[in-house]
Protein backbone atom coordinates (compact mmCIF):
# COMPACT_ATOMS: atom_id res chain seq x y z
CA MET A 1 -0.27 -0.16 -0.12
CA ALA A 2 1.77 3.40 -1.22
CA GLY A 3 2.29 5.59 1.98
CA SER A 4 0.07 8.79 2.37
CA THR A 5 1.74 11.93 2.07
CA THR A 6 1.17 15.60 3.75
CA ALA A 7 0.55 18.25 1.51
CA ARG A 8 2.86 21.10 2.39
CA ASP A 9 2.25 24.55 3.49
CA ILE A 10 1.83 27.30 0.88
CA PRO A 11 2.59 31.30 1.74
CA ILE A 12 0.08 33.56 1.09
CA LEU A 13 -0.95 37.01 1.49
CA ILE A 14 -4.03 37.71 3.10
CA THR A 15 -5.58 40.90 2.70
CA SER A 16 -9.03 42.71 3.77
CA PRO A 17 -10.03 46.23 4.04
CA ALA A 18 -8.35 46.44 7.23
CA ALA A 19 -5.38 44.11 7.51
CA SER A 20 -2.72 42.62 5.80
CA SER A 21 -0.42 39.76 6.83
CA GLU A 22 1.64 36.93 5.00
CA ARG A 23 0.30 33.38 6.30
CA ARG A 24 0.87 29.83 5.57
CA VAL A 25 -2.30 27.89 4.35
CA ASN A 26 -2.40 24.26 4.13
CA PRO A 27 -4.07 22.97 0.39
CA SER A 28 -5.62 20.08 2.89
CA TRP A 29 -7.61 22.25 4.61
CA THR A 30 -11.43 22.81 3.80
CA VAL A 31 -12.83 26.08 2.88
CA SER A 32 -14.77 26.28 6.00
CA GLN A 33 -11.15 25.35 8.21
CA LEU A 34 -9.85 28.35 6.12
CA LYS A 35 -12.44 30.93 7.05
CA ALA A 36 -12.44 29.96 10.70
CA LYS A 37 -8.60 30.92 10.35
CA LEU A 38 -9.42 34.09 8.49
CA GLU A 39 -11.87 35.55 10.84
CA PRO A 40 -9.13 36.58 13.61
CA ILE A 41 -6.71 38.21 11.10
CA THR A 42 -9.86 40.07 9.02
CA GLY A 43 -12.51 40.76 11.77
CA ILE A 44 -15.11 39.05 9.46
CA ALA A 45 -17.19 36.09 10.34
CA PRO A 46 -17.29 33.39 8.41
CA SER A 47 -20.59 33.25 7.19
CA LEU A 48 -19.89 36.77 5.68
CA GLN A 49 -16.75 36.23 4.04
CA THR A 50 -16.35 36.71 0.22
CA LEU A 51 -13.04 35.50 -1.01
CA THR A 52 -11.22 36.77 -4.23
CA LEU A 53 -8.19 35.34 -5.53
CA ARG A 54 -5.91 38.02 -6.68
CA LEU A 55 -2.78 36.83 -8.96
CA PRO A 56 0.08 38.94 -10.70
CA HIS A 57 -1.30 38.38 -14.21
CA CYS A 58 -4.77 38.93 -12.84
CA PRO A 59 -4.71 41.81 -10.03
CA GLU A 60 -8.43 42.74 -10.60
CA GLY A 61 -8.90 38.91 -8.87
CA THR A 62 -11.32 36.20 -9.29
CA ALA A 63 -13.91 35.24 -7.08
CA ILE A 64 -13.23 31.92 -5.45
CA SER A 65 -16.05 29.84 -3.64
CA ALA A 66 -17.41 26.49 -3.18
CA LYS A 67 -20.52 24.21 -3.08
CA ASP A 68 -19.73 22.96 0.00
CA ASP A 69 -17.34 24.78 2.70
CA ASP A 70 -17.40 21.98 5.02
CA ARG A 71 -15.98 19.35 2.35
CA THR A 72 -14.25 21.31 -0.12
CA GLU A 73 -10.54 21.34 0.07
CA ILE A 74 -8.75 24.64 -0.66
CA GLY A 75 -6.25 22.70 -2.92
CA SER A 76 -8.50 22.40 -5.48
CA TRP A 77 -8.24 26.12 -6.04
CA SER A 78 -4.64 25.32 -7.03
CA LEU A 79 -3.16 28.01 -5.02
CA PRO A 80 0.04 29.31 -6.10
CA ALA A 81 3.01 30.40 -3.52
CA TYR A 82 2.46 34.05 -2.72
CA ALA A 83 -0.76 34.50 -4.17
CA GLU A 84 -3.17 36.84 -2.62
CA ILE A 85 -6.70 36.22 -0.79
CA HIS A 86 -8.53 39.19 -0.52
CA VAL A 87 -11.60 39.01 2.19
CA THR A 88 -14.73 41.18 2.01
CA SER A 89 -17.29 41.25 3.96
CA THR A 90 -20.89 40.50 2.46
CA ASP A 91 -22.22 43.17 4.94
CA PRO A 92 -20.07 45.83 5.45
CA SER A 93 -22.37 48.02 7.76
CA SER A 94 -22.72 45.01 10.08
CA GLY A 95 -19.37 46.47 11.90
CA THR A 96 -17.91 43.10 11.81
CA ALA A 97 -14.35 44.01 10.04
CA ILE A 98 -11.92 45.45 12.29
CA PRO A 99 -11.10 49.16 11.98
CA PRO A 100 -7.97 50.52 11.07
CA LEU A 101 -5.62 51.13 14.13
CA SER A 102 -5.45 55.24 13.25
CA SER A 103 -8.82 55.33 13.64
CA VAL A 104 -9.33 53.49 17.23
CA PRO A 105 -9.34 56.32 20.07
CA LYS A 106 -6.31 55.51 22.47
CA TYR A 107 -6.62 56.01 26.19
CA GLU A 108 -3.39 57.99 27.82
CA MET A 109 -3.47 57.97 31.38
CA PRO A 110 -2.88 61.00 33.26
CA VAL A 111 0.56 60.94 34.79
CA GLU A 112 -1.08 62.06 38.04
CA THR A 113 -3.64 59.04 37.91
CA TYR A 114 -0.86 56.62 37.08
CA SER A 115 1.32 57.80 40.13
CA SER A 116 -1.45 57.42 42.52
CA LEU A 117 -2.08 53.46 41.40
CA PRO A 118 -0.57 50.98 44.03
CA ASP A 119 0.46 48.31 41.82
CA THR A 120 2.64 49.69 39.40
CA VAL A 121 6.65 49.56 38.47
CA LEU A 122 6.27 53.44 39.92
CA ALA A 123 4.73 52.11 42.98
CA TYR A 124 7.08 49.16 43.33
CA LYS A 125 10.23 51.54 42.92
CA ARG A 126 8.55 53.90 45.37
CA ALA A 127 8.54 51.41 48.09
CA HIS A 128 11.72 49.63 47.68
CA HIS A 129 13.61 52.86 47.11
CA ILE A 130 15.21 51.94 43.87
CA GLY A 131 16.05 54.76 41.21
CA ARG A 132 15.37 58.19 42.32
CA PHE A 133 13.68 57.32 45.20
CA ASP A 134 16.48 55.87 46.70
CA PRO A 135 17.51 58.69 49.51
CA HIS A 136 21.04 58.32 48.60
CA ALA A 137 20.60 58.88 45.03
CA PRO A 138 21.95 61.92 45.27
CA GLU A 139 24.90 60.90 46.82
CA LEU A 140 25.61 58.37 44.56
CA LYS A 141 25.15 60.60 41.18
CA GLU A 142 27.68 62.98 42.92
CA LYS A 143 29.94 59.91 43.44
CA LYS A 144 29.56 58.89 40.11
CA VAL A 145 30.51 62.46 38.44
CA ALA A 146 33.63 62.92 40.52
CA ASP A 147 34.73 59.54 39.60
CA LEU A 148 34.36 60.60 35.97
CA TRP A 149 36.48 63.55 36.64
CA LYS A 150 39.04 61.54 38.68
CA GLU A 151 39.27 59.25 35.50
CA ILE A 152 40.30 62.30 33.33
CA GLU A 153 42.82 63.59 35.78
CA VAL A 154 44.54 60.30 36.57
CA GLY A 155 44.44 59.37 33.00
CA GLU A 156 45.84 62.65 32.10
CA ILE A 157 43.16 63.05 29.34
CA THR A 158 43.80 66.85 27.81
CA VAL A 159 43.06 68.71 25.09
CA GLY A 160 45.56 67.61 22.38
CA ALA A 161 46.85 64.59 23.95
CA ARG A 162 46.73 61.19 21.48
CA CYS A 163 44.89 58.44 22.38
CA ILE A 164 43.57 55.12 21.43
CA LEU A 165 40.18 53.54 22.13
CA PRO A 166 40.49 50.18 23.98
CA PRO A 167 40.24 47.56 23.44
CA SER A 168 41.35 48.36 19.80
CA THR A 169 45.15 49.49 19.08
CA THR A 170 44.50 50.72 16.29
CA ARG A 171 41.36 53.43 16.57
CA ARG A 172 43.38 56.05 17.37
CA GLY A 173 43.16 59.92 17.34
CA THR A 174 43.65 63.22 19.38
CA VAL A 175 41.55 64.32 22.26
CA ALA A 176 39.73 67.15 21.05
CA TYR A 177 37.27 68.06 23.96
CA VAL A 178 36.84 67.25 27.47
CA GLY A 179 33.70 68.53 29.46
CA LEU A 180 29.91 68.36 29.81
CA ILE A 181 27.63 67.72 26.57
CA PRO A 182 23.77 68.43 27.68
CA GLU A 183 23.08 67.01 24.36
CA ILE A 184 23.75 63.70 25.60
CA PRO A 185 22.16 61.63 28.22
CA GLY A 186 24.09 60.85 31.33
CA LEU A 187 25.86 62.61 33.92
CA GLY A 188 29.08 63.62 34.03
CA PRO A 189 32.24 64.59 31.53
CA TRP A 190 32.40 63.17 28.42
CA VAL A 191 35.60 62.82 25.96
CA GLY A 192 35.30 64.18 22.18
CA VAL A 193 38.19 62.53 19.98
CA ARG A 194 39.08 63.35 16.49
CA LEU A 195 40.00 60.28 15.21
CA ASP A 196 42.79 59.45 12.47
CA GLU A 197 40.33 57.22 10.07
CA PRO A 198 36.36 57.80 9.87
CA ALA A 199 35.42 55.24 12.22
CA GLY A 200 33.44 57.86 14.06
CA LYS A 201 29.95 58.71 14.40
CA ASN A 202 29.86 62.32 14.23
CA ASP A 203 31.54 65.47 12.73
CA GLY A 204 32.33 67.01 16.23
CA THR A 205 28.83 67.97 16.96
CA ALA A 206 26.13 66.62 19.58
CA GLY A 207 22.54 68.05 19.31
CA GLY A 208 23.16 70.66 17.04
CA LYS A 209 25.91 72.13 19.09
CA ARG A 210 29.65 72.00 17.69
CA TYR A 211 32.22 70.90 20.17
CA PHE A 212 35.42 70.79 18.24
CA ASP A 213 35.95 70.57 14.27
CA CYS A 214 36.62 67.44 12.04
CA GLU A 215 35.47 65.69 9.09
CA PRO A 216 32.13 63.44 9.01
CA GLN A 217 32.65 60.27 10.64
CA TYR A 218 35.80 61.45 12.07
CA GLY A 219 34.37 62.52 15.37
CA ILE A 220 33.13 60.50 18.61
CA PHE A 221 32.26 61.23 22.09
CA VAL A 222 33.28 58.44 24.70
CA ARG A 223 33.48 58.28 28.55
CA PRO A 224 36.62 58.47 29.99
CA GLU A 225 37.22 54.96 30.73
CA ARG A 226 37.12 54.20 27.36
CA VAL A 227 40.13 56.55 26.40
CA GLN A 228 43.84 55.69 27.11
CA VAL A 229 46.38 58.37 26.68
CA GLY A 230 49.72 57.88 25.50
CA ASP A 231 52.22 58.18 22.79
CA TRP A 232 50.17 56.79 19.89
CA GLN A 233 51.39 57.68 16.55
CA GLU A 234 49.25 57.82 13.33
CA LEU A 235 49.41 54.33 11.78
CA GLY A 236 51.04 54.31 8.19
CA LEU A 237 49.64 51.54 5.19
CA ASP A 238 52.19 49.09 6.24
CA ASP A 239 51.21 48.55 10.12
CA ASP A 240 49.15 45.61 10.81
CA ASP A 241 45.98 45.73 12.16
CA ASP A 242 46.19 43.97 15.79
CA ASP A 243 42.77 43.80 16.90
CA PRO A 244 41.26 40.88 15.47
CA ASP A 245 37.51 41.90 16.94
CA GLU A 246 37.50 45.25 14.73
CA ILE A 247 37.20 44.97 10.84
């Protein structure tokens, strides 16, 4: 006796007036099974669905139906991969179709209401003194800022000093700025580096404000701990790249 085979799924684009989604269908499904699976996608009840098959050579589409939805397999429609099945409702006024998300009113909870609720992340942080609710938070912030300035002092990070950005020893440049940058989130000072090669992220500006001059992609702002000052000369064409982790 020949062994039975299982039909492979076919990728199909399912569309409706309010939805579009690529799904995989199985030719062994009955029409009733297909329509039941289309309801949560389109919001149209199976009994109200009208199906149209759209193909590249026939974009206007061809209506597809069956005399008996419970017995007819959709494989009888010879569905090609990536064909489109467009689903409409026979009663558009019934309200069964899912409206576009842009037309659905959004609820935005006022900040005061959210702050007064007992079972929220904010309430948990407040109860456990986490983050800004930590009574020692101001001291911790001050210490963090002081540590960053200490890093600059100990590392002798000054404008004009040659440096590398570890762990790479080939990403080299010159310190071009040391100080605060309000345009970048985070406490404490930053170090602006003018790189020897276009391996940076900016042209010496942050948030539209210029902190030093350089060509596009030659500038970068990093924290002090990422800068190592020393007698780092510019690399020549014959110098090997000794950093296998950067390409």
